[in-house]
Amino acid sequence: RTAQAAAERAPLATPPEMGSEGGLFSRFYLSFGGGLDFGDDLGGRTVAGNQVNIELDQGYYLAMAFGRSFGQNWRAELELSYRQADYDTAVSGGNRTSGRGQQTVTGLLVNGFFDLKLNLPVTPFVGAGAGIAFIDGDDIAIGNSVALGRDGTEFAYQGIIGIAYDIGERRHVVLDARYFGTGDDDVASPGA
């Protein structure tokens, strides 16, 4: 599993508060964001059948989303995200090696959010999403064997909690934390 530290996300247009006075297009928004990714260990077997454990370095996360508000509290978005972390060390059968490779996860998810309106410059929110993840991991040599990197397309999901701070008309700075998971138990992540 991977974990991500919360980081700032500054949408171009505001996710939380979008009134109808601006017409249909006032309800749409675009956001960009990023954060840190703290990957849990990857487990599995080498080609020779030995158990392997691969530790991941701290990585990063980037995302962009296009969304729409549906009334006072609800909104939905389509998110494209990219997560990357380098291998740190790999251990198998008493052999230990420094990692020379990386794992990337590209996600395409549909997210839904509930914004808690407080009539303040801050708006807490919760959300959840589902979609697909494209996983690409490098192979790594350990002793006389090789651990094959994970490659494939998996179901993806995430839970999100955060707060948006109003910095101007239709603009917010967003701080959130999210857990991103996939159908592959070893490839997942809380994020921001």
Protein backbone atom coordinates (compact mmCIF):
# COMPACT_ATOMS: atom_id res chain seq x y z
CA ARG A 1 0.00 0.00 0.00
CA THR A 2 1.19 3.53 -0.54
CA ALA A 3 0.57 6.53 1.60
CA GLN A 4 0.60 10.15 0.61
CA ALA A 5 1.10 13.19 2.77
CA ALA A 6 -1.53 15.85 2.34
CA ALA A 7 -0.46 18.65 0.01
CA GLU A 8 -2.01 21.80 -1.39
CA ARG A 9 -4.24 21.63 -4.42
CA ALA A 10 -5.16 24.91 -6.07
CA PRO A 11 -8.07 24.54 -8.48
CA LEU A 12 -8.42 27.09 -11.25
CA ALA A 13 -12.10 27.34 -10.46
CA THR A 14 -13.71 26.57 -7.16
CA PRO A 15 -15.04 23.11 -6.40
CA PRO A 16 -17.01 24.00 -3.26
CA GLU A 17 -19.18 27.08 -3.88
CA MET A 18 -20.69 27.58 -7.31
CA GLY A 19 -23.87 29.51 -7.51
CA SER A 20 -26.33 29.43 -10.37
CA GLU A 21 -26.14 33.17 -10.98
CA GLY A 22 -23.23 32.65 -13.41
CA GLY A 23 -25.22 30.28 -15.60
CA LEU A 24 -24.44 26.72 -16.67
CA PHE A 25 -20.68 27.18 -17.08
CA SER A 26 -20.25 28.67 -13.59
CA ARG A 27 -20.86 25.17 -12.23
CA PHE A 28 -17.77 23.67 -13.93
CA TYR A 29 -14.25 23.71 -12.56
CA LEU A 30 -10.72 22.58 -13.34
CA SER A 31 -8.16 21.68 -10.68
CA PHE A 32 -4.48 20.76 -10.52
CA GLY A 33 -2.66 19.26 -7.57
CA GLY A 34 0.15 17.18 -6.21
CA GLY A 35 1.67 15.72 -3.11
CA LEU A 36 4.03 13.21 -1.58
CA ASP A 37 3.65 9.45 -1.93
CA PHE A 38 4.92 7.11 0.81
CA GLY A 39 4.82 3.61 -0.61
CA ASP A 40 4.43 0.51 1.50
CA ASP A 41 6.52 -2.54 0.74
CA LEU A 42 5.76 -4.65 -2.32
CA GLY A 43 5.63 -8.40 -1.76
CA GLY A 44 5.79 -11.34 -4.11
CA ARG A 45 8.11 -13.99 -5.52
CA THR A 46 11.19 -13.98 -7.71
CA VAL A 47 11.34 -15.94 -10.97
CA ALA A 48 13.09 -18.71 -8.97
CA GLY A 49 10.12 -18.84 -6.57
CA ASN A 50 11.73 -17.17 -3.53
CA GLN A 51 9.82 -14.67 -1.40
CA VAL A 52 10.75 -11.05 -2.16
CA ASN A 53 10.13 -7.80 -0.34
CA ILE A 54 10.71 -4.46 -2.12
CA GLU A 55 10.74 -1.21 -0.15
CA LEU A 56 9.74 1.97 -1.99
CA ASP A 57 11.29 5.40 -1.50
CA GLN A 58 9.11 8.43 -0.91
CA GLY A 59 7.56 9.34 -4.24
CA TYR A 60 5.23 11.95 -5.64
CA TYR A 61 1.68 12.32 -6.89
CA LEU A 62 0.24 14.63 -9.57
CA ALA A 63 -3.39 15.05 -10.60
CA MET A 64 -5.76 17.14 -12.62
CA ALA A 65 -9.55 17.02 -12.58
CA PHE A 66 -12.51 18.44 -14.46
CA GLY A 67 -15.65 18.72 -12.37
CA ARG A 68 -19.17 20.07 -12.01
CA SER A 69 -21.22 21.26 -9.05
CA PHE A 70 -24.75 19.83 -8.58
CA GLY A 71 -26.44 22.23 -6.22
CA GLN A 72 -25.30 23.54 -2.87
CA ASN A 73 -23.37 20.56 -1.49
CA TRP A 74 -22.73 17.97 -4.20
CA ARG A 75 -20.18 17.83 -6.99
CA ALA A 76 -18.52 15.24 -9.24
CA GLU A 77 -15.31 15.17 -11.25
CA LEU A 78 -13.22 13.12 -13.64
CA GLU A 79 -9.66 12.83 -12.32
CA LEU A 80 -6.44 11.80 -14.06
CA SER A 81 -3.61 11.06 -11.60
CA TYR A 82 -0.01 9.85 -11.75
CA ARG A 83 1.98 8.33 -8.88
CA GLN A 84 5.67 7.42 -9.02
CA ALA A 85 8.05 5.94 -6.43
CA ASP A 86 11.58 4.55 -6.79
CA TYR A 87 12.64 1.21 -5.35
CA ASP A 88 14.79 1.56 -2.23
CA THR A 89 15.93 -1.96 -1.35
CA ALA A 90 14.87 -5.48 -2.26
CA VAL A 91 15.36 -8.56 -0.07
CA SER A 92 15.01 -12.18 -1.13
CA GLY A 93 16.51 -15.45 0.14
CA GLY A 94 19.05 -13.66 2.34
CA ASN A 95 20.16 -11.43 -0.55
CA ARG A 96 19.72 -7.67 -0.32
CA THR A 97 20.19 -5.17 -3.13
CA SER A 98 19.71 -1.46 -3.61
CA GLY A 99 16.72 -0.78 -5.78
CA ARG A 100 17.29 0.22 -9.37
CA GLY A 101 13.84 0.78 -10.73
CA GLN A 102 10.50 2.37 -10.02
CA GLN A 103 6.78 1.80 -9.92
CA THR A 104 4.26 4.13 -11.55
CA VAL A 105 0.48 4.12 -11.26
CA THR A 106 -1.72 6.15 -13.60
CA GLY A 107 -5.32 6.44 -12.46
CA LEU A 108 -8.52 7.54 -14.20
CA LEU A 109 -11.34 7.91 -11.66
CA VAL A 110 -14.78 9.44 -11.28
CA ASN A 111 -15.06 11.15 -7.88
CA GLY A 112 -18.11 12.34 -5.97
CA PHE A 113 -17.95 14.93 -3.17
CA PHE A 114 -20.11 16.33 -0.40
CA ASP A 115 -19.17 19.89 0.67
CA LEU A 116 -20.10 20.95 4.21
CA LYS A 117 -21.18 24.60 3.94
CA LEU A 118 -20.29 26.63 7.05
CA ASN A 119 -20.71 30.21 5.74
CA LEU A 120 -16.98 30.67 6.40
CA PRO A 121 -13.99 31.10 4.06
CA VAL A 122 -13.26 27.38 4.62
CA THR A 123 -15.31 24.44 3.34
CA PRO A 124 -14.65 20.91 4.64
CA PHE A 125 -15.52 18.08 2.25
CA VAL A 126 -15.53 14.30 1.90
CA GLY A 127 -15.48 12.26 -1.28
CA ALA A 128 -15.03 8.86 -2.88
CA GLY A 129 -14.06 7.69 -6.33
CA ALA A 130 -13.79 4.63 -8.55
CA GLY A 131 -12.17 3.87 -11.89
CA ILE A 132 -9.12 2.14 -13.33
CA ALA A 133 -5.38 2.16 -12.63
CA PHE A 134 -2.54 1.35 -15.02
CA ILE A 135 0.36 -0.12 -13.01
CA ASP A 136 3.91 -0.27 -14.39
CA GLY A 137 6.80 -1.61 -12.29
CA ASP A 138 10.41 -2.32 -13.25
CA ASP A 139 12.05 -5.74 -12.83
CA ILE A 140 14.82 -5.95 -10.19
CA ALA A 141 17.72 -8.40 -9.93
CA ILE A 142 18.29 -9.88 -6.45
CA GLY A 143 21.21 -12.26 -6.08
CA ASN A 144 20.93 -14.86 -8.85
CA SER A 145 17.24 -14.24 -9.48
CA VAL A 146 14.88 -11.54 -10.71
CA ALA A 147 11.69 -10.12 -9.24
CA LEU A 148 9.36 -9.13 -12.04
CA GLY A 149 7.74 -5.71 -11.77
CA ARG A 150 3.99 -5.42 -11.54
CA ASP A 151 2.34 -4.49 -14.82
CA GLY A 152 -1.35 -4.42 -15.53
CA THR A 153 -4.70 -2.69 -15.43
CA GLU A 154 -6.66 -2.89 -12.18
CA PHE A 155 -9.88 -1.59 -10.65
CA ALA A 156 -9.06 1.56 -8.62
CA TYR A 157 -10.87 3.34 -5.78
CA GLN A 158 -10.23 6.17 -3.35
CA GLY A 159 -11.59 7.92 -0.29
CA ILE A 160 -10.99 11.65 0.16
CA ILE A 161 -11.26 14.13 3.03
CA GLY A 162 -10.15 17.74 2.93
CA ILE A 163 -10.76 21.43 3.32
CA ALA A 164 -10.97 24.22 0.74
CA TYR A 165 -9.95 27.77 1.58
CA ASP A 166 -11.49 30.63 -0.43
CA ILE A 167 -8.77 32.91 -1.88
CA GLY A 168 -11.00 34.87 -4.27
CA GLU A 169 -13.97 34.67 -6.55
CA ARG A 170 -14.21 31.09 -7.86
CA ARG A 171 -10.71 30.22 -6.58
CA HIS A 172 -9.70 27.97 -3.70
CA VAL A 173 -6.59 26.44 -2.22
CA VAL A 174 -7.39 22.86 -1.24
CA LEU A 175 -5.65 20.67 1.32
CA ASP A 176 -6.80 17.06 1.23
CA ALA A 177 -5.80 13.53 2.17
CA ARG A 178 -6.82 10.52 0.16
CA TYR A 179 -6.45 6.77 0.20
CA PHE A 180 -5.97 5.33 -3.29
CA GLY A 181 -6.29 1.57 -3.71
CA THR A 182 -6.28 -0.94 -6.55
CA GLY A 183 -7.33 -4.51 -7.16
CA ASP A 184 -3.67 -5.46 -6.58
CA ASP A 185 -3.44 -5.53 -2.77
CA ASP A 186 0.17 -4.27 -2.76
CA VAL A 187 -0.56 -1.21 -4.88
CA ALA A 188 -2.64 1.36 -3.01
CA SER A 189 -2.37 4.85 -1.47
CA PRO A 190 -3.80 7.54 0.87
CA GLY A 191 -3.19 10.83 -0.85
CA ALA A 192 -3.57 14.56 -1.28
